[in-house]
Amino acid sequence: MALNKKNLTNLFYIFVTTHLIIWTLVPTLTNNNLPLDTIEHLAWGSNLDWGFNKHPPVVAFVLEFFYQIFGAQDWAYYLLSQIFVIISFIVVFKLAEEFFKNKVFSLLSVLLLEGIYFYNFTTPEFNVNVCLMPFWTLTVLYLWKGFKDNKIIDWLLVGLFAGLGFLSKYLFIYLGIAMDIFILYMIYKNKFNFNFKSFISIITFFIVLLPHLIWLTENNYITITYGLHRTGAEDPDILNHIKHPLIFLGKQIGILIPFFLMLFYLINKFKYKISFKDDKLLFLLVINIAPIALVFLTSMILGVKIRTMWMTPFYLFFGVLVIYIFQSQINLNKLKGFTTLFIILFIFSPFAYAYVSITKTDKRTDYPGKKEAEKVKLFYENQNQVTGEIAFVKGNEWVAGNLSYHLKERPKWIYDPNNIFICNKNLECVKYK
């Protein structure tokens, strides 16, 4: 088959469709229960608000939307996760097309991402990290379009997607800072004039954020407090300023090894002279490197832990960056090694996931959530203390969250760290555990 533009586009969509099908089916067939984060966020979705104790609200809104359509069908949430991944891949492909005349390079930019386990092995768990991915990529795409074409619609979409990204996870701030660095540099070099069109992005961003900002002030900035606690920022140990950033760096290198192995088969010579006069290259460097460098500096300055999974969206444009840098060194007639390794990784990852899922015991995904909900339903029907339909469940995010998800009444979840209570609409409750 001749690799013309149409065929390459078809190959890309075959790839993303196959990826979606595989990573929807494998966890559906091998897991007994949804993962922890998905259950927790579904619990939030049962009682929607403009924020929650751990994160801003977009993940809960998305999950509740899906629940209203599909109910307690586990496959739907694995599908949802892959939809978000595939949207991200499509956007990366679209940005790559802006940077490369050769469509093969655009395709390779996405295929390389199969070498990063954030984009396969960990994707079945729909959480704030996966939720952030499409908004991260869309913000970058329309930022570039805004610079290139300076259309109001592009700048409006920058603000919209940036706002939704921030409302998915505060970690989006690192991309926001990187964007600001690039904008300021372009202004300094007289390559960009900040005008009303681009100012639309700022207005849109704050309009999108406003309900959450109001909620934050009304709830004593609880999500920010949680984030600081989660990172260990309260630990005064001076060694943390060395230990945590080094651990972070080591883990990131380890994660990227398969990615660079794939790249090794593409590049004839790892030789390139970087020119900062190249706006495309500068944009890719800032968007890719600056957020990671800023995270590293945060860990070093504050002495905080950076959990590996938090970096999920940070590498989405790595393929575009390395292909752009080494495009003159790529021999498209010698893709056999790359193709072989890609196929191995593409097949190995779901098999590895299935193996772990089937053989490893005592995982969250082994929890009998549906059966436990049936027991609770029977218990509630046989007790004589409280009458009426189940409207609320009190308990922790996992046990009570599973009940909220599996019970047909879709009761709202209320946090209680110690016990499980089943309640009617008047909040008359009976203790279950």
Protein backbone atom coordinates (compact mmCIF):
# COMPACT_ATOMS: atom_id res chain seq x y z
CA MET A 1 0.00 0.00 0.00
CA ALA A 2 1.38 3.39 -1.00
CA LEU A 3 1.79 5.71 1.96
CA ASN A 4 0.02 8.78 0.63
CA LYS A 5 -1.64 11.36 2.85
CA LYS A 6 -5.03 9.63 2.76
CA ASN A 7 -3.61 6.23 3.63
CA LEU A 8 -1.52 7.66 6.45
CA THR A 9 -4.59 9.37 7.90
CA ASN A 10 -6.49 6.09 7.64
CA LEU A 11 -3.62 4.29 9.40
CA PHE A 12 -3.76 6.80 12.21
CA TYR A 13 -7.49 6.33 12.75
CA ILE A 14 -7.11 2.55 12.56
CA PHE A 15 -4.48 2.82 15.28
CA VAL A 16 -6.57 4.99 17.63
CA THR A 17 -9.70 2.89 17.05
CA THR A 18 -7.78 -0.31 17.82
CA HIS A 19 -6.26 1.30 20.89
CA LEU A 20 -9.72 2.33 22.10
CA ILE A 21 -11.21 -1.14 21.58
CA ILE A 22 -8.34 -3.03 23.23
CA TRP A 23 -8.08 -0.79 26.28
CA THR A 24 -11.84 -0.82 26.77
CA LEU A 25 -12.17 -4.60 26.46
CA VAL A 26 -9.14 -5.73 28.50
CA PRO A 27 -10.07 -4.08 31.83
CA THR A 28 -13.75 -4.87 31.26
CA LEU A 29 -12.95 -8.58 30.92
CA THR A 30 -10.29 -8.83 33.66
CA ASN A 31 -11.47 -6.50 36.43
CA ASN A 32 -14.27 -7.34 38.86
CA ASN A 33 -14.74 -3.73 39.95
CA LEU A 34 -13.88 -0.23 38.83
CA PRO A 35 -10.58 1.20 40.15
CA LEU A 36 -10.36 3.37 43.27
CA ASP A 37 -10.13 6.81 41.66
CA THR A 38 -13.02 6.16 39.29
CA ILE A 39 -15.27 5.02 42.16
CA GLU A 40 -14.22 8.00 44.26
CA HIS A 41 -14.95 10.48 41.47
CA LEU A 42 -18.29 8.76 40.76
CA ALA A 43 -19.11 9.28 44.43
CA TRP A 44 -18.46 12.98 43.98
CA GLY A 45 -20.61 12.92 40.86
CA SER A 46 -23.57 11.64 42.88
CA ASN A 47 -23.55 14.92 44.79
CA LEU A 48 -22.30 17.50 42.30
CA ASP A 49 -20.67 20.69 43.45
CA TRP A 50 -18.19 23.24 42.08
CA GLY A 51 -15.36 21.52 43.92
CA PHE A 52 -14.48 18.68 46.22
CA ASN A 53 -12.08 18.07 49.08
CA LYS A 54 -9.31 16.78 46.81
CA HIS A 55 -9.86 18.19 43.34
CA PRO A 56 -11.83 20.68 41.23
CA PRO A 57 -15.11 19.49 39.68
CA VAL A 58 -14.75 18.59 35.97
CA VAL A 59 -13.95 14.89 36.52
CA ALA A 60 -17.12 14.49 38.62
CA PHE A 61 -19.28 16.30 36.04
CA VAL A 62 -17.97 14.10 33.23
CA LEU A 63 -18.49 10.87 35.16
CA GLU A 64 -21.99 11.82 36.29
CA PHE A 65 -22.92 12.66 32.70
CA PHE A 66 -21.83 9.17 31.66
CA TYR A 67 -23.63 7.61 34.63
CA GLN A 68 -26.90 9.24 33.62
CA ILE A 69 -26.54 7.60 30.20
CA PHE A 70 -25.07 4.18 31.06
CA GLY A 71 -25.67 3.64 34.77
CA ALA A 72 -23.54 1.07 36.60
CA GLN A 73 -21.96 -0.49 33.52
CA ASP A 74 -18.22 -0.80 34.17
CA TRP A 75 -17.31 -0.98 30.48
CA ALA A 76 -18.74 2.51 29.93
CA TYR A 77 -16.16 4.10 32.22
CA TYR A 78 -13.28 2.20 30.63
CA LEU A 79 -14.64 3.45 27.31
CA LEU A 80 -14.87 6.98 28.69
CA SER A 81 -11.23 6.87 29.70
CA GLN A 82 -10.17 5.74 26.23
CA ILE A 83 -12.29 8.42 24.58
CA PHE A 84 -10.30 11.00 26.51
CA VAL A 85 -7.03 9.32 25.53
CA ILE A 86 -7.99 9.10 21.85
CA ILE A 87 -9.14 12.73 21.74
CA SER A 88 -5.70 13.63 23.09
CA PHE A 89 -3.98 11.52 20.43
CA ILE A 90 -6.06 13.14 17.68
CA VAL A 91 -5.16 16.62 18.92
CA VAL A 92 -1.46 15.69 19.06
CA PHE A 93 -1.78 14.45 15.47
CA LYS A 94 -3.45 17.72 14.43
CA LEU A 95 -0.69 19.81 16.02
CA ALA A 96 1.94 17.63 14.36
CA GLU A 97 0.29 18.34 10.99
CA GLU A 98 0.83 22.03 11.72
CA PHE A 99 4.56 21.37 12.13
CA PHE A 100 5.38 18.75 9.49
CA LYS A 101 4.92 18.72 5.72
CA ASN A 102 5.48 14.96 5.76
CA LYS A 103 2.46 13.21 7.28
CA VAL A 104 4.59 10.19 8.23
CA PHE A 105 6.21 12.41 10.86
CA SER A 106 2.79 13.34 12.22
CA LEU A 107 1.89 9.67 12.53
CA LEU A 108 5.21 8.78 14.18
CA SER A 109 4.72 11.59 16.70
CA VAL A 110 1.66 9.79 18.05
CA LEU A 111 2.87 6.20 17.67
CA LEU A 112 5.86 7.03 19.87
CA LEU A 113 3.44 7.66 22.74
CA GLU A 114 2.77 3.92 22.97
CA GLY A 115 6.24 3.79 24.51
CA ILE A 116 4.99 5.75 27.55
CA TYR A 117 2.88 3.67 29.93
CA PHE A 118 0.78 6.69 30.92
CA TYR A 119 -0.97 6.31 27.58
CA ASN A 120 -1.79 2.59 27.75
CA PHE A 121 -1.23 0.62 30.96
CA THR A 122 -2.61 3.22 33.37
CA THR A 123 -5.43 4.59 31.20
CA PRO A 124 -8.26 2.22 32.27
CA GLU A 125 -8.61 4.17 35.51
CA PHE A 126 -10.56 7.31 34.63
CA ASN A 127 -9.29 9.92 37.08
CA VAL A 128 -8.23 13.55 37.15
CA ASN A 129 -4.99 12.74 35.30
CA VAL A 130 -6.77 11.16 32.34
CA CYS A 131 -9.49 13.81 32.49
CA LEU A 132 -6.84 16.54 32.14
CA MET A 133 -5.26 15.08 28.98
CA PRO A 134 -7.56 16.40 26.20
CA PHE A 135 -7.79 19.86 27.75
CA TRP A 136 -3.98 19.98 28.00
CA THR A 137 -3.58 19.10 24.31
CA LEU A 138 -6.42 21.31 23.07
CA THR A 139 -5.04 24.32 24.93
CA VAL A 140 -1.64 23.82 23.29
CA LEU A 141 -3.15 23.32 19.82
CA TYR A 142 -5.25 26.47 19.94
CA LEU A 143 -2.45 28.49 21.51
CA TRP A 144 -0.35 27.69 18.47
CA LYS A 145 -3.25 28.46 16.15
CA GLY A 146 -3.75 31.74 17.99
CA PHE A 147 -0.15 32.74 17.33
CA LYS A 148 -0.29 31.62 13.73
CA ASP A 149 -3.67 32.97 12.63
CA ASN A 150 -4.65 35.39 15.46
CA LYS A 151 -8.35 34.54 15.17
CA ILE A 152 -10.76 35.39 17.99
CA ILE A 153 -12.18 31.87 17.97
CA ASP A 154 -8.74 30.35 18.57
CA TRP A 155 -8.01 32.62 21.53
CA LEU A 156 -11.49 32.02 22.95
CA LEU A 157 -10.87 28.26 22.78
CA VAL A 158 -7.49 28.70 24.49
CA GLY A 159 -9.28 30.31 27.43
CA LEU A 160 -12.07 27.74 27.44
CA PHE A 161 -9.82 24.68 27.36
CA ALA A 162 -7.33 26.20 29.79
CA GLY A 163 -10.18 26.85 32.20
CA LEU A 164 -11.48 23.29 31.84
CA GLY A 165 -7.92 22.00 32.26
CA PHE A 166 -7.48 23.92 35.50
CA LEU A 167 -10.90 22.68 36.67
CA SER A 168 -9.74 19.12 35.95
CA LYS A 169 -6.58 19.38 38.02
CA TYR A 170 -4.61 22.29 39.44
CA LEU A 171 -1.44 20.76 37.99
CA PHE A 172 -2.50 22.45 34.75
CA ILE A 173 -0.86 25.56 36.22
CA TYR A 174 2.53 24.27 35.04
CA LEU A 175 1.39 24.31 31.43
CA GLY A 176 -0.12 27.74 32.05
CA ILE A 177 3.23 29.08 33.27
CA ALA A 178 5.00 27.55 30.27
CA MET A 179 2.51 29.24 27.94
CA ASP A 180 3.12 32.57 29.68
CA ILE A 181 6.88 32.14 29.28
CA PHE A 182 6.48 31.61 25.54
CA ILE A 183 4.06 34.53 25.15
CA LEU A 184 6.34 36.91 27.05
CA TYR A 185 9.34 35.81 24.97
CA MET A 186 7.44 36.39 21.72
CA ILE A 187 6.35 39.83 22.91
CA TYR A 188 9.93 40.63 23.91
CA LYS A 189 11.16 39.61 20.43
CA ASN A 190 8.41 41.72 18.79
CA LYS A 191 6.99 38.58 17.19
CA PHE A 192 3.62 38.92 18.90
CA ASN A 193 1.41 41.81 19.91
CA PHE A 194 -0.92 41.18 22.82
CA ASN A 195 -4.24 42.70 21.70
CA PHE A 196 -7.96 42.40 22.32
CA LYS A 197 -8.21 39.13 20.39
CA SER A 198 -5.68 37.40 22.62
CA PHE A 199 -7.10 39.10 25.73
CA ILE A 200 -10.32 37.18 25.04
CA SER A 201 -8.52 34.05 26.25
CA ILE A 202 -7.89 35.58 29.70
CA ILE A 203 -11.49 36.76 30.04
CA THR A 204 -12.84 33.36 29.00
CA PHE A 205 -10.46 31.56 31.36
CA PHE A 206 -11.64 33.48 34.42
CA ILE A 207 -15.31 33.21 33.46
CA VAL A 208 -14.92 29.42 33.33
CA LEU A 209 -13.07 29.44 36.66
CA LEU A 210 -15.37 31.83 38.51
CA PRO A 211 -17.86 29.32 40.03
CA HIS A 212 -15.01 27.22 41.37
CA LEU A 213 -13.16 30.24 42.75
CA ILE A 214 -16.30 31.25 44.63
CA TRP A 215 -16.65 27.70 45.94
CA LEU A 216 -12.99 27.73 47.05
CA THR A 217 -13.43 30.86 49.14
CA GLU A 218 -16.61 29.46 50.69
CA ASN A 219 -14.85 26.19 51.59
CA ASN A 220 -11.62 27.55 53.11
CA TYR A 221 -9.50 26.53 50.09
CA ILE A 222 -9.83 22.88 51.09
CA THR A 223 -8.48 21.47 47.81
CA ILE A 224 -5.29 23.53 48.07
CA THR A 225 -4.80 22.40 51.68
CA TYR A 226 -5.24 18.79 50.60
CA GLY A 227 -2.71 19.20 47.79
CA LEU A 228 -0.08 20.58 50.15
CA HIS A 229 -0.68 17.72 52.56
CA ARG A 230 -0.55 15.16 49.75
CA THR A 231 2.85 16.36 48.58
CA GLY A 232 4.33 16.26 52.07
CA ALA A 233 4.89 20.01 52.07
CA GLU A 234 4.35 20.04 55.84
CA ASP A 235 7.43 17.83 56.41
CA PRO A 236 10.37 20.10 57.39
CA ASP A 237 13.13 17.53 56.67
CA ILE A 238 15.89 19.37 54.75
CA LEU A 239 16.86 16.17 52.92
CA ASN A 240 13.49 16.23 51.15
CA HIS A 241 14.81 19.06 48.97
CA ILE A 242 17.37 16.63 47.52
CA LYS A 243 15.67 13.24 47.93
CA HIS A 244 12.28 14.01 46.38
CA PRO A 245 13.52 15.76 43.20
CA LEU A 246 16.10 13.00 42.57
CA ILE A 247 13.46 10.28 43.01
CA PHE A 248 11.20 12.24 40.68
CA LEU A 249 13.94 12.53 38.05
CA GLY A 250 14.87 8.85 38.29
CA LYS A 251 11.26 7.73 37.84
CA GLN A 252 10.73 9.97 34.81
CA ILE A 253 13.83 8.59 33.11
CA GLY A 254 12.64 5.06 33.81
CA ILE A 255 9.19 5.77 32.39
CA LEU A 256 10.65 7.13 29.15
CA ILE A 257 13.03 4.20 28.41
CA PRO A 258 10.63 2.39 25.99
CA PHE A 259 9.91 5.72 24.29
CA PHE A 260 13.61 6.34 23.66
CA LEU A 261 14.14 2.74 22.53
CA MET A 262 11.52 3.33 19.85
CA LEU A 263 13.17 6.62 18.94
CA PHE A 264 16.55 4.84 18.67
CA TYR A 265 15.22 2.79 15.76
CA LEU A 266 14.08 5.94 13.95
CA ILE A 267 17.18 8.10 14.18
CA ASN A 268 20.34 7.52 12.14
CA LYS A 269 22.43 10.07 14.02
CA PHE A 270 21.54 11.87 17.23
CA LYS A 271 22.98 15.11 15.99
CA TYR A 272 21.19 18.42 15.87
CA LYS A 273 21.97 22.10 16.30
CA ILE A 274 19.17 23.88 18.15
CA SER A 275 18.27 27.32 16.83
CA PHE A 276 16.17 29.57 19.03
CA LYS A 277 15.25 31.55 15.93
CA ASP A 278 12.98 28.68 14.97
CA ASP A 279 9.62 29.63 16.52
CA LYS A 280 8.18 26.15 16.01
CA LEU A 281 11.07 24.51 17.82
CA LEU A 282 11.01 27.10 20.59
CA PHE A 283 7.28 26.55 21.08
CA LEU A 284 7.72 22.78 21.33
CA LEU A 285 10.67 23.10 23.72
CA VAL A 286 8.81 25.43 26.05
CA ILE A 287 5.55 23.46 26.00
CA ASN A 288 7.33 20.15 26.63
CA ILE A 289 10.32 20.96 28.79
CA ALA A 290 9.24 23.98 30.85
CA PRO A 291 6.36 22.22 32.72
CA ILE A 292 8.61 19.29 33.68
CA ALA A 293 11.45 21.61 34.72
CA LEU A 294 9.02 23.65 36.81
CA VAL A 295 7.74 20.53 38.57
CA PHE A 296 11.35 19.51 39.31
CA LEU A 297 12.10 22.99 40.68
CA THR A 298 8.95 22.87 42.82
CA SER A 299 10.09 19.60 44.33
CA MET A 300 13.60 20.94 44.91
CA ILE A 301 12.59 24.32 46.38
CA LEU A 302 9.68 23.12 48.53
CA GLY A 303 10.97 19.63 49.24
CA VAL A 304 7.70 18.02 48.14
CA LYS A 305 6.90 14.62 46.66
CA ILE A 306 5.77 14.46 43.06
CA ARG A 307 3.74 11.32 42.50
CA THR A 308 4.50 9.56 39.25
CA MET A 309 0.95 9.51 37.92
CA TRP A 310 0.66 13.29 38.23
CA MET A 311 2.90 13.57 35.18
CA THR A 312 0.40 11.84 32.88
CA PRO A 313 -0.32 14.80 30.54
CA PHE A 314 3.21 16.21 30.51
CA TYR A 315 4.61 13.95 27.77
CA LEU A 316 1.79 14.12 25.24
CA PHE A 317 3.79 16.30 22.82
CA PHE A 318 7.15 14.60 23.40
CA GLY A 319 6.78 12.68 20.16
CA VAL A 320 6.22 15.89 18.19
CA LEU A 321 9.25 17.49 19.84
CA VAL A 322 11.78 14.70 19.19
CA ILE A 323 10.54 14.09 15.64
CA TYR A 324 10.81 17.80 14.90
CA ILE A 325 14.35 17.96 16.29
CA PHE A 326 15.62 14.88 14.46
CA GLN A 327 13.44 14.93 11.33
CA SER A 328 16.45 15.30 9.05
CA GLN A 329 18.01 12.22 10.67
CA ILE A 330 15.02 9.92 10.15
CA ASN A 331 15.35 7.34 7.38
CA LEU A 332 11.80 6.48 6.37
CA ASN A 333 13.09 3.52 4.37
CA LYS A 334 14.30 1.83 7.56
CA LEU A 335 11.22 1.70 9.77
CA LYS A 336 11.28 -2.08 10.29
CA GLY A 337 12.92 -1.93 13.75
CA PHE A 338 10.61 0.83 14.95
CA THR A 339 7.52 -0.94 13.59
CA THR A 340 8.54 -4.23 15.23
CA LEU A 341 9.11 -2.60 18.63
CA PHE A 342 5.88 -0.63 18.34
CA ILE A 343 3.89 -3.82 17.64
CA ILE A 344 5.59 -5.61 20.56
CA LEU A 345 4.73 -2.77 22.96
CA PHE A 346 1.23 -2.42 21.53
CA ILE A 347 0.54 -6.11 22.16
CA PHE A 348 2.58 -6.55 25.35
CA SER A 349 0.98 -3.71 27.32
CA PRO A 350 -2.62 -5.06 27.34
CA PHE A 351 -1.35 -8.60 27.98
CA ALA A 352 0.73 -7.32 30.90
CA TYR A 353 -2.29 -5.46 32.25
CA ALA A 354 -4.48 -8.56 31.91
CA TYR A 355 -1.85 -10.74 33.59
CA VAL A 356 -1.52 -8.40 36.57
CA SER A 357 -5.28 -8.00 36.80
CA ILE A 358 -5.91 -11.76 36.79
CA THR A 359 -3.00 -13.02 38.89
CA LYS A 360 -2.45 -10.31 41.48
CA THR A 361 -4.78 -10.68 44.45
CA ASP A 362 -6.23 -8.18 46.93
CA LYS A 363 -6.49 -5.36 44.39
CA ARG A 364 -9.17 -2.72 44.57
CA THR A 365 -10.48 -4.05 41.28
CA ASP A 366 -11.11 -7.42 42.97
CA TYR A 367 -13.61 -5.86 45.37
CA PRO A 368 -17.12 -7.39 45.06
CA GLY A 369 -18.84 -4.03 44.82
CA LYS A 370 -21.99 -5.28 43.08
CA LYS A 371 -22.49 -8.17 45.53
CA GLU A 372 -21.91 -5.87 48.48
CA ALA A 373 -24.58 -3.51 47.13
CA GLU A 374 -26.99 -6.45 46.88
CA LYS A 375 -26.28 -7.33 50.53
CA VAL A 376 -26.91 -3.74 51.59
CA LYS A 377 -30.16 -3.62 49.64
CA LEU A 378 -31.36 -6.81 51.32
CA PHE A 379 -30.26 -5.56 54.75
CA TYR A 380 -32.11 -2.27 54.26
CA GLU A 381 -35.30 -3.98 53.14
CA ASN A 382 -35.26 -6.32 56.14
CA GLN A 383 -34.61 -3.73 58.84
CA ASN A 384 -37.50 -1.86 60.48
CA GLN A 385 -35.83 1.29 61.78
CA VAL A 386 -35.92 3.43 58.63
CA THR A 387 -38.45 3.41 55.79
CA GLY A 388 -38.46 4.85 52.30
CA GLU A 389 -36.13 4.57 49.32
CA ILE A 390 -32.37 4.68 49.85
CA ALA A 391 -31.36 8.27 49.10
CA PHE A 392 -27.96 8.63 50.80
CA VAL A 393 -25.02 6.47 51.80
CA LYS A 394 -22.56 7.65 54.43
CA GLY A 395 -19.05 6.29 54.55
CA ASN A 396 -15.61 6.52 52.98
CA GLU A 397 -15.08 7.08 49.26
CA TRP A 398 -14.38 3.43 48.54
CA VAL A 399 -17.03 1.38 50.36
CA ALA A 400 -19.80 3.97 50.31
CA GLY A 401 -18.72 5.13 46.86
CA ASN A 402 -19.20 1.59 45.55
CA LEU A 403 -22.66 1.48 47.12
CA SER A 404 -23.59 4.81 45.53
CA TYR A 405 -22.45 3.47 42.16
CA HIS A 406 -23.96 -0.04 42.31
CA LEU A 407 -27.28 0.59 44.05
CA LYS A 408 -30.03 1.16 41.48
CA GLU A 409 -31.36 4.14 43.46
CA ARG A 410 -28.05 5.99 42.82
CA PRO A 411 -27.97 7.39 46.39
CA LYS A 412 -25.90 10.47 47.06
CA TRP A 413 -22.61 9.91 48.85
CA ILE A 414 -21.81 11.64 52.15
CA TYR A 415 -18.37 11.33 53.71
CA ASP A 416 -17.98 9.45 56.98
CA PRO A 417 -14.51 8.07 57.77
CA ASN A 418 -15.55 5.46 60.31
CA ASN A 419 -18.91 3.84 59.57
CA ILE A 420 -21.38 2.96 56.82
CA PHE A 421 -24.91 4.35 57.12
CA ILE A 422 -27.84 3.83 54.77
CA CYS A 423 -30.28 6.75 54.76
CA ASN A 424 -33.62 7.79 53.31
CA LYS A 425 -34.41 11.19 51.78
CA ASN A 426 -35.04 12.66 55.26
CA LEU A 427 -31.52 11.60 56.29
CA GLU A 428 -32.93 9.05 58.69
CA CYS A 429 -30.16 6.47 58.78
CA VAL A 430 -29.45 2.92 59.80
CA LYS A 431 -25.92 1.71 60.48
CA TYR A 432 -24.68 -1.04 58.20
CA LYS A 433 -21.10 -1.40 59.40
